[in-house]
Amino acid sequence: MFKAIAVPLFLFVSTSINAHQSDMALNLEQILKEKGFTRIDYKKLPTHHAVVEASINGKSGYFIIDTGAGATVIHQESAGKFNLAQAIEASSNEVTGVGGSISTRSFSIESFIIEGNAVSLSSIYSMDLSHVVDALNPFTEEKIDGVIGQDIMEAHGAIIDIASKTVYLKP
């Protein structure tokens, strides 16, 4: 008899929690909109990575939102796609991450737009992201071109709402 009562009670409680979460998401969106934030929906891959469409210099690509990346980076093989091969190369240097040191190139860019929203970014790094691209491409229809890192998230006060698969950025 106890099991028969526990199941309906659990269903009622979980329904109430889901309804409450939905109300909280609406309230969060309303508050952030009033504070000038823009909503950007992302696609969640089966690997739990967040993917958004973005364009560099008017050319579209797909990027992982990476809260652990210090900077926004494109896969070196995508440099031509975004017309970066013709851009003025700013510098070439080494960066250090969890996997060790890696060589990067920095390029000036004219524009960086995420899902129709312009963000502040005047240059972008290019490096070999084969390990990321090769690992994630089987899980997405779009080829991954790079990662959006802390430089953009900090500059725009990013707030990530995992429950609603949304990122909020302030212009």
C-alpha atoms as a PDB file:
ATOM      1  CA  MET A   1       0.000   0.000   0.000  1.00  0.00           C
ATOM      2  CA  PHE A   2       2.856   2.390   0.741  1.00  0.00           C
ATOM      3  CA  LYS A   3       4.251   2.049  -2.811  1.00  0.00           C
ATOM      4  CA  ALA A   4       0.903   2.936  -4.394  1.00  0.00           C
ATOM      5  CA  ILE A   5       0.750   6.178  -2.412  1.00  0.00           C
ATOM      6  CA  ALA A   6       4.413   7.097  -2.973  1.00  0.00           C
ATOM      7  CA  VAL A   7       4.240   7.003  -6.786  1.00  0.00           C
ATOM      8  CA  PRO A   8       1.336   9.449  -7.184  1.00  0.00           C
ATOM      9  CA  LEU A   9       2.878  11.730  -4.551  1.00  0.00           C
ATOM     10  CA  PHE A  10       6.208  11.680  -6.431  1.00  0.00           C
ATOM     11  CA  LEU A  11       4.452  12.529  -9.717  1.00  0.00           C
ATOM     12  CA  PHE A  12       2.664  15.446  -8.049  1.00  0.00           C
ATOM     13  CA  VAL A  13       5.864  16.766  -6.470  1.00  0.00           C
ATOM     14  CA  SER A  14       7.898  16.482  -9.694  1.00  0.00           C
ATOM     15  CA  THR A  15       5.129  18.221 -11.678  1.00  0.00           C
ATOM     16  CA  SER A  16       5.086  21.034  -9.136  1.00  0.00           C
ATOM     17  CA  ILE A  17       8.880  21.369  -9.319  1.00  0.00           C
ATOM     18  CA  ASN A  18       8.843  21.505 -13.135  1.00  0.00           C
ATOM     19  CA  ALA A  19       6.110  24.154 -13.102  1.00  0.00           C
ATOM     20  CA  HIS A  20       8.107  26.142 -10.532  1.00  0.00           C
ATOM     21  CA  GLN A  21      11.280  25.896 -12.667  1.00  0.00           C
ATOM     22  CA  SER A  22       9.339  27.152 -15.685  1.00  0.00           C
ATOM     23  CA  ASP A  23       8.069  30.151 -13.673  1.00  0.00           C
ATOM     24  CA  MET A  24      11.615  30.848 -12.451  1.00  0.00           C
ATOM     25  CA  ALA A  25      12.954  30.777 -16.029  1.00  0.00           C
ATOM     26  CA  LEU A  26      10.301  33.272 -17.137  1.00  0.00           C
ATOM     27  CA  ASN A  27      11.109  35.523 -14.186  1.00  0.00           C
ATOM     28  CA  LEU A  28      14.861  35.269 -14.886  1.00  0.00           C
ATOM     29  CA  GLU A  29      14.350  36.147 -18.533  1.00  0.00           C
ATOM     30  CA  GLN A  30      12.125  39.087 -17.630  1.00  0.00           C
ATOM     31  CA  ILE A  31      14.617  40.446 -15.084  1.00  0.00           C
ATOM     32  CA  LEU A  32      17.583  40.074 -17.432  1.00  0.00           C
ATOM     33  CA  LYS A  33      15.697  41.669 -20.330  1.00  0.00           C
ATOM     34  CA  GLU A  34      14.943  44.678 -18.108  1.00  0.00           C
ATOM     35  CA  LYS A  35      18.667  44.908 -17.329  1.00  0.00           C
ATOM     36  CA  GLY A  36      19.545  44.969 -21.047  1.00  0.00           C
ATOM     37  CA  PHE A  37      20.576  41.347 -21.586  1.00  0.00           C
ATOM     38  CA  THR A  38      19.910  39.561 -24.866  1.00  0.00           C
ATOM     39  CA  ARG A  39      18.741  35.952 -24.920  1.00  0.00           C
ATOM     40  CA  ILE A  40      20.683  33.462 -27.046  1.00  0.00           C
ATOM     41  CA  ASP A  41      19.402  29.896 -27.254  1.00  0.00           C
ATOM     42  CA  TYR A  42      21.953  27.156 -27.720  1.00  0.00           C
ATOM     43  CA  LYS A  43      21.759  23.581 -28.954  1.00  0.00           C
ATOM     44  CA  LYS A  44      22.826  20.941 -26.444  1.00  0.00           C
ATOM     45  CA  LEU A  45      24.792  18.061 -27.941  1.00  0.00           C
ATOM     46  CA  PRO A  46      24.465  14.509 -26.551  1.00  0.00           C
ATOM     47  CA  THR A  47      27.909  15.178 -25.007  1.00  0.00           C
ATOM     48  CA  HIS A  48      26.294  18.083 -23.066  1.00  0.00           C
ATOM     49  CA  HIS A  49      28.336  20.706 -24.947  1.00  0.00           C
ATOM     50  CA  ALA A  50      26.513  23.916 -25.866  1.00  0.00           C
ATOM     51  CA  VAL A  51      26.682  24.915 -29.560  1.00  0.00           C
ATOM     52  CA  VAL A  52      25.719  28.271 -31.106  1.00  0.00           C
ATOM     53  CA  GLU A  53      25.918  29.651 -34.605  1.00  0.00           C
ATOM     54  CA  ALA A  54      28.211  32.642 -34.946  1.00  0.00           C
ATOM     55  CA  SER A  55      29.745  34.588 -37.781  1.00  0.00           C
ATOM     56  CA  ILE A  56      33.166  36.113 -38.202  1.00  0.00           C
ATOM     57  CA  ASN A  57      33.566  38.742 -40.906  1.00  0.00           C
ATOM     58  CA  GLY A  58      30.131  37.769 -42.250  1.00  0.00           C
ATOM     59  CA  LYS A  59      30.900  34.041 -42.584  1.00  0.00           C
ATOM     60  CA  SER A  60      28.868  31.592 -40.449  1.00  0.00           C
ATOM     61  CA  GLY A  61      30.187  28.752 -38.351  1.00  0.00           C
ATOM     62  CA  TYR A  62      29.413  26.706 -35.254  1.00  0.00           C
ATOM     63  CA  PHE A  63      31.068  27.256 -31.897  1.00  0.00           C
ATOM     64  CA  ILE A  64      31.112  25.488 -28.553  1.00  0.00           C
ATOM     65  CA  ILE A  65      30.484  27.686 -25.518  1.00  0.00           C
ATOM     66  CA  ASP A  66      33.475  26.828 -23.335  1.00  0.00           C
ATOM     67  CA  THR A  67      33.505  28.358 -19.866  1.00  0.00           C
ATOM     68  CA  GLY A  68      36.983  26.902 -19.301  1.00  0.00           C
ATOM     69  CA  ALA A  69      38.561  28.561 -22.339  1.00  0.00           C
ATOM     70  CA  GLY A  70      40.350  31.811 -21.554  1.00  0.00           C
ATOM     71  CA  ALA A  71      39.801  33.168 -25.059  1.00  0.00           C
ATOM     72  CA  THR A  72      37.675  32.654 -28.133  1.00  0.00           C
ATOM     73  CA  VAL A  73      39.540  30.415 -30.568  1.00  0.00           C
ATOM     74  CA  ILE A  74      38.906  29.020 -34.034  1.00  0.00           C
ATOM     75  CA  HIS A  75      40.230  25.770 -35.420  1.00  0.00           C
ATOM     76  CA  GLN A  76      43.239  26.632 -37.617  1.00  0.00           C
ATOM     77  CA  GLU A  77      41.617  24.759 -40.518  1.00  0.00           C
ATOM     78  CA  SER A  78      38.690  27.233 -40.383  1.00  0.00           C
ATOM     79  CA  ALA A  79      40.860  30.360 -40.835  1.00  0.00           C
ATOM     80  CA  GLY A  80      40.250  30.434 -44.591  1.00  0.00           C
ATOM     81  CA  LYS A  81      36.502  29.956 -44.121  1.00  0.00           C
ATOM     82  CA  PHE A  82      36.345  33.218 -42.149  1.00  0.00           C
ATOM     83  CA  ASN A  83      38.673  35.077 -44.536  1.00  0.00           C
ATOM     84  CA  LEU A  84      41.342  35.285 -41.859  1.00  0.00           C
ATOM     85  CA  ALA A  85      44.131  34.240 -44.189  1.00  0.00           C
ATOM     86  CA  GLN A  86      43.769  37.672 -45.805  1.00  0.00           C
ATOM     87  CA  ALA A  87      43.542  39.535 -42.517  1.00  0.00           C
ATOM     88  CA  ILE A  88      46.548  41.243 -41.010  1.00  0.00           C
ATOM     89  CA  GLU A  89      48.230  38.752 -38.712  1.00  0.00           C
ATOM     90  CA  ALA A  90      48.705  40.441 -35.357  1.00  0.00           C
ATOM     91  CA  SER A  91      51.003  37.948 -33.668  1.00  0.00           C
ATOM     92  CA  SER A  92      52.022  34.363 -33.143  1.00  0.00           C
ATOM     93  CA  ASN A  93      52.670  33.003 -29.650  1.00  0.00           C
ATOM     94  CA  GLU A  94      52.394  30.066 -27.248  1.00  0.00           C
ATOM     95  CA  VAL A  95      49.551  29.577 -24.791  1.00  0.00           C
ATOM     96  CA  THR A  96      49.311  27.114 -21.939  1.00  0.00           C
ATOM     97  CA  GLY A  97      46.268  25.076 -20.992  1.00  0.00           C
ATOM     98  CA  VAL A  98      45.409  21.822 -19.299  1.00  0.00           C
ATOM     99  CA  GLY A  99      46.962  19.848 -22.166  1.00  0.00           C
ATOM    100  CA  GLY A 100      50.224  21.831 -22.115  1.00  0.00           C
ATOM    101  CA  SER A 101      51.556  24.563 -24.418  1.00  0.00           C
ATOM    102  CA  ILE A 102      50.345  25.082 -27.976  1.00  0.00           C
ATOM    103  CA  SER A 103      51.186  27.534 -30.743  1.00  0.00           C
ATOM    104  CA  THR A 104      48.534  30.119 -31.675  1.00  0.00           C
ATOM    105  CA  ARG A 105      48.086  32.898 -34.190  1.00  0.00           C
ATOM    106  CA  SER A 106      46.088  36.028 -33.564  1.00  0.00           C
ATOM    107  CA  PHE A 107      44.110  37.711 -36.344  1.00  0.00           C
ATOM    108  CA  SER A 108      42.302  41.039 -36.503  1.00  0.00           C
ATOM    109  CA  ILE A 109      38.614  40.649 -37.308  1.00  0.00           C
ATOM    110  CA  GLU A 110      35.949  43.066 -38.485  1.00  0.00           C
ATOM    111  CA  SER A 111      32.977  41.479 -36.717  1.00  0.00           C
ATOM    112  CA  PHE A 112      31.900  38.631 -34.473  1.00  0.00           C
ATOM    113  CA  ILE A 113      28.162  37.957 -34.236  1.00  0.00           C
ATOM    114  CA  ILE A 114      26.509  35.247 -32.116  1.00  0.00           C
ATOM    115  CA  GLU A 115      22.987  34.290 -33.236  1.00  0.00           C
ATOM    116  CA  GLY A 116      22.465  37.796 -34.661  1.00  0.00           C
ATOM    117  CA  ASN A 117      24.013  39.637 -31.691  1.00  0.00           C
ATOM    118  CA  ALA A 118      27.230  41.600 -32.223  1.00  0.00           C
ATOM    119  CA  VAL A 119      29.854  41.096 -29.526  1.00  0.00           C
ATOM    120  CA  SER A 120      33.021  43.003 -28.657  1.00  0.00           C
ATOM    121  CA  LEU A 121      35.953  41.180 -30.194  1.00  0.00           C
ATOM    122  CA  SER A 122      38.599  42.812 -32.372  1.00  0.00           C
ATOM    123  CA  SER A 123      40.893  39.806 -32.757  1.00  0.00           C
ATOM    124  CA  ILE A 124      40.627  36.045 -32.563  1.00  0.00           C
ATOM    125  CA  TYR A 125      43.082  33.239 -31.945  1.00  0.00           C
ATOM    126  CA  SER A 126      43.620  30.316 -34.289  1.00  0.00           C
ATOM    127  CA  MET A 127      45.062  26.996 -33.126  1.00  0.00           C
ATOM    128  CA  ASP A 128      44.861  23.285 -33.793  1.00  0.00           C
ATOM    129  CA  LEU A 129      41.563  22.192 -32.261  1.00  0.00           C
ATOM    130  CA  SER A 130      41.519  18.794 -33.983  1.00  0.00           C
ATOM    131  CA  HIS A 131      41.054  17.011 -30.644  1.00  0.00           C
ATOM    132  CA  VAL A 132      37.864  19.031 -29.975  1.00  0.00           C
ATOM    133  CA  VAL A 133      36.525  18.985 -33.540  1.00  0.00           C
ATOM    134  CA  ASP A 134      37.174  15.264 -34.060  1.00  0.00           C
ATOM    135  CA  ALA A 135      35.608  14.342 -30.716  1.00  0.00           C
ATOM    136  CA  LEU A 136      32.422  16.419 -31.190  1.00  0.00           C
ATOM    137  CA  ASN A 137      31.683  16.277 -34.916  1.00  0.00           C
ATOM    138  CA  PRO A 138      30.108  12.781 -34.725  1.00  0.00           C
ATOM    139  CA  PHE A 139      27.488  14.267 -32.376  1.00  0.00           C
ATOM    140  CA  THR A 140      26.460  17.269 -34.466  1.00  0.00           C
ATOM    141  CA  GLU A 141      25.262  17.895 -37.994  1.00  0.00           C
ATOM    142  CA  GLU A 142      27.388  21.051 -38.188  1.00  0.00           C
ATOM    143  CA  LYS A 143      31.170  21.050 -38.235  1.00  0.00           C
ATOM    144  CA  ILE A 144      32.573  22.724 -35.126  1.00  0.00           C
ATOM    145  CA  ASP A 145      34.746  25.719 -36.061  1.00  0.00           C
ATOM    146  CA  GLY A 146      35.870  26.889 -32.641  1.00  0.00           C
ATOM    147  CA  VAL A 147      35.082  27.772 -29.044  1.00  0.00           C
ATOM    148  CA  ILE A 148      33.650  30.895 -27.453  1.00  0.00           C
ATOM    149  CA  GLY A 149      35.670  31.621 -24.334  1.00  0.00           C
ATOM    150  CA  GLN A 150      35.918  33.857 -21.298  1.00  0.00           C
ATOM    151  CA  ASP A 151      36.956  36.957 -23.271  1.00  0.00           C
ATOM    152  CA  ILE A 152      33.448  37.273 -24.738  1.00  0.00           C
ATOM    153  CA  MET A 153      31.636  35.955 -21.669  1.00  0.00           C
ATOM    154  CA  GLU A 154      33.340  38.399 -19.308  1.00  0.00           C
ATOM    155  CA  ALA A 155      33.031  41.389 -21.661  1.00  0.00           C
ATOM    156  CA  HIS A 156      29.288  40.791 -21.965  1.00  0.00           C
ATOM    157  CA  GLY A 157      28.485  39.607 -18.422  1.00  0.00           C
ATOM    158  CA  ALA A 158      27.336  36.195 -19.653  1.00  0.00           C
ATOM    159  CA  ILE A 159      24.747  34.332 -17.646  1.00  0.00           C
ATOM    160  CA  ILE A 160      24.177  30.715 -18.619  1.00  0.00           C
ATOM    161  CA  ASP A 161      20.813  29.146 -17.794  1.00  0.00           C
ATOM    162  CA  ILE A 162      21.415  25.449 -18.299  1.00  0.00           C
ATOM    163  CA  ALA A 163      17.810  24.468 -17.560  1.00  0.00           C
ATOM    164  CA  SER A 164      16.495  26.515 -20.510  1.00  0.00           C
ATOM    165  CA  LYS A 165      19.585  26.056 -22.758  1.00  0.00           C
ATOM    166  CA  THR A 166      20.077  29.798 -22.870  1.00  0.00           C
ATOM    167  CA  VAL A 167      22.952  32.243 -22.620  1.00  0.00           C
ATOM    168  CA  TYR A 168      22.265  35.864 -21.788  1.00  0.00           C
ATOM    169  CA  LEU A 169      24.719  38.542 -22.944  1.00  0.00           C
ATOM    170  CA  LYS A 170      24.691  42.236 -22.206  1.00  0.00           C
ATOM    171  CA  PRO A 171      25.687  44.469 -25.149  1.00  0.00           C
END
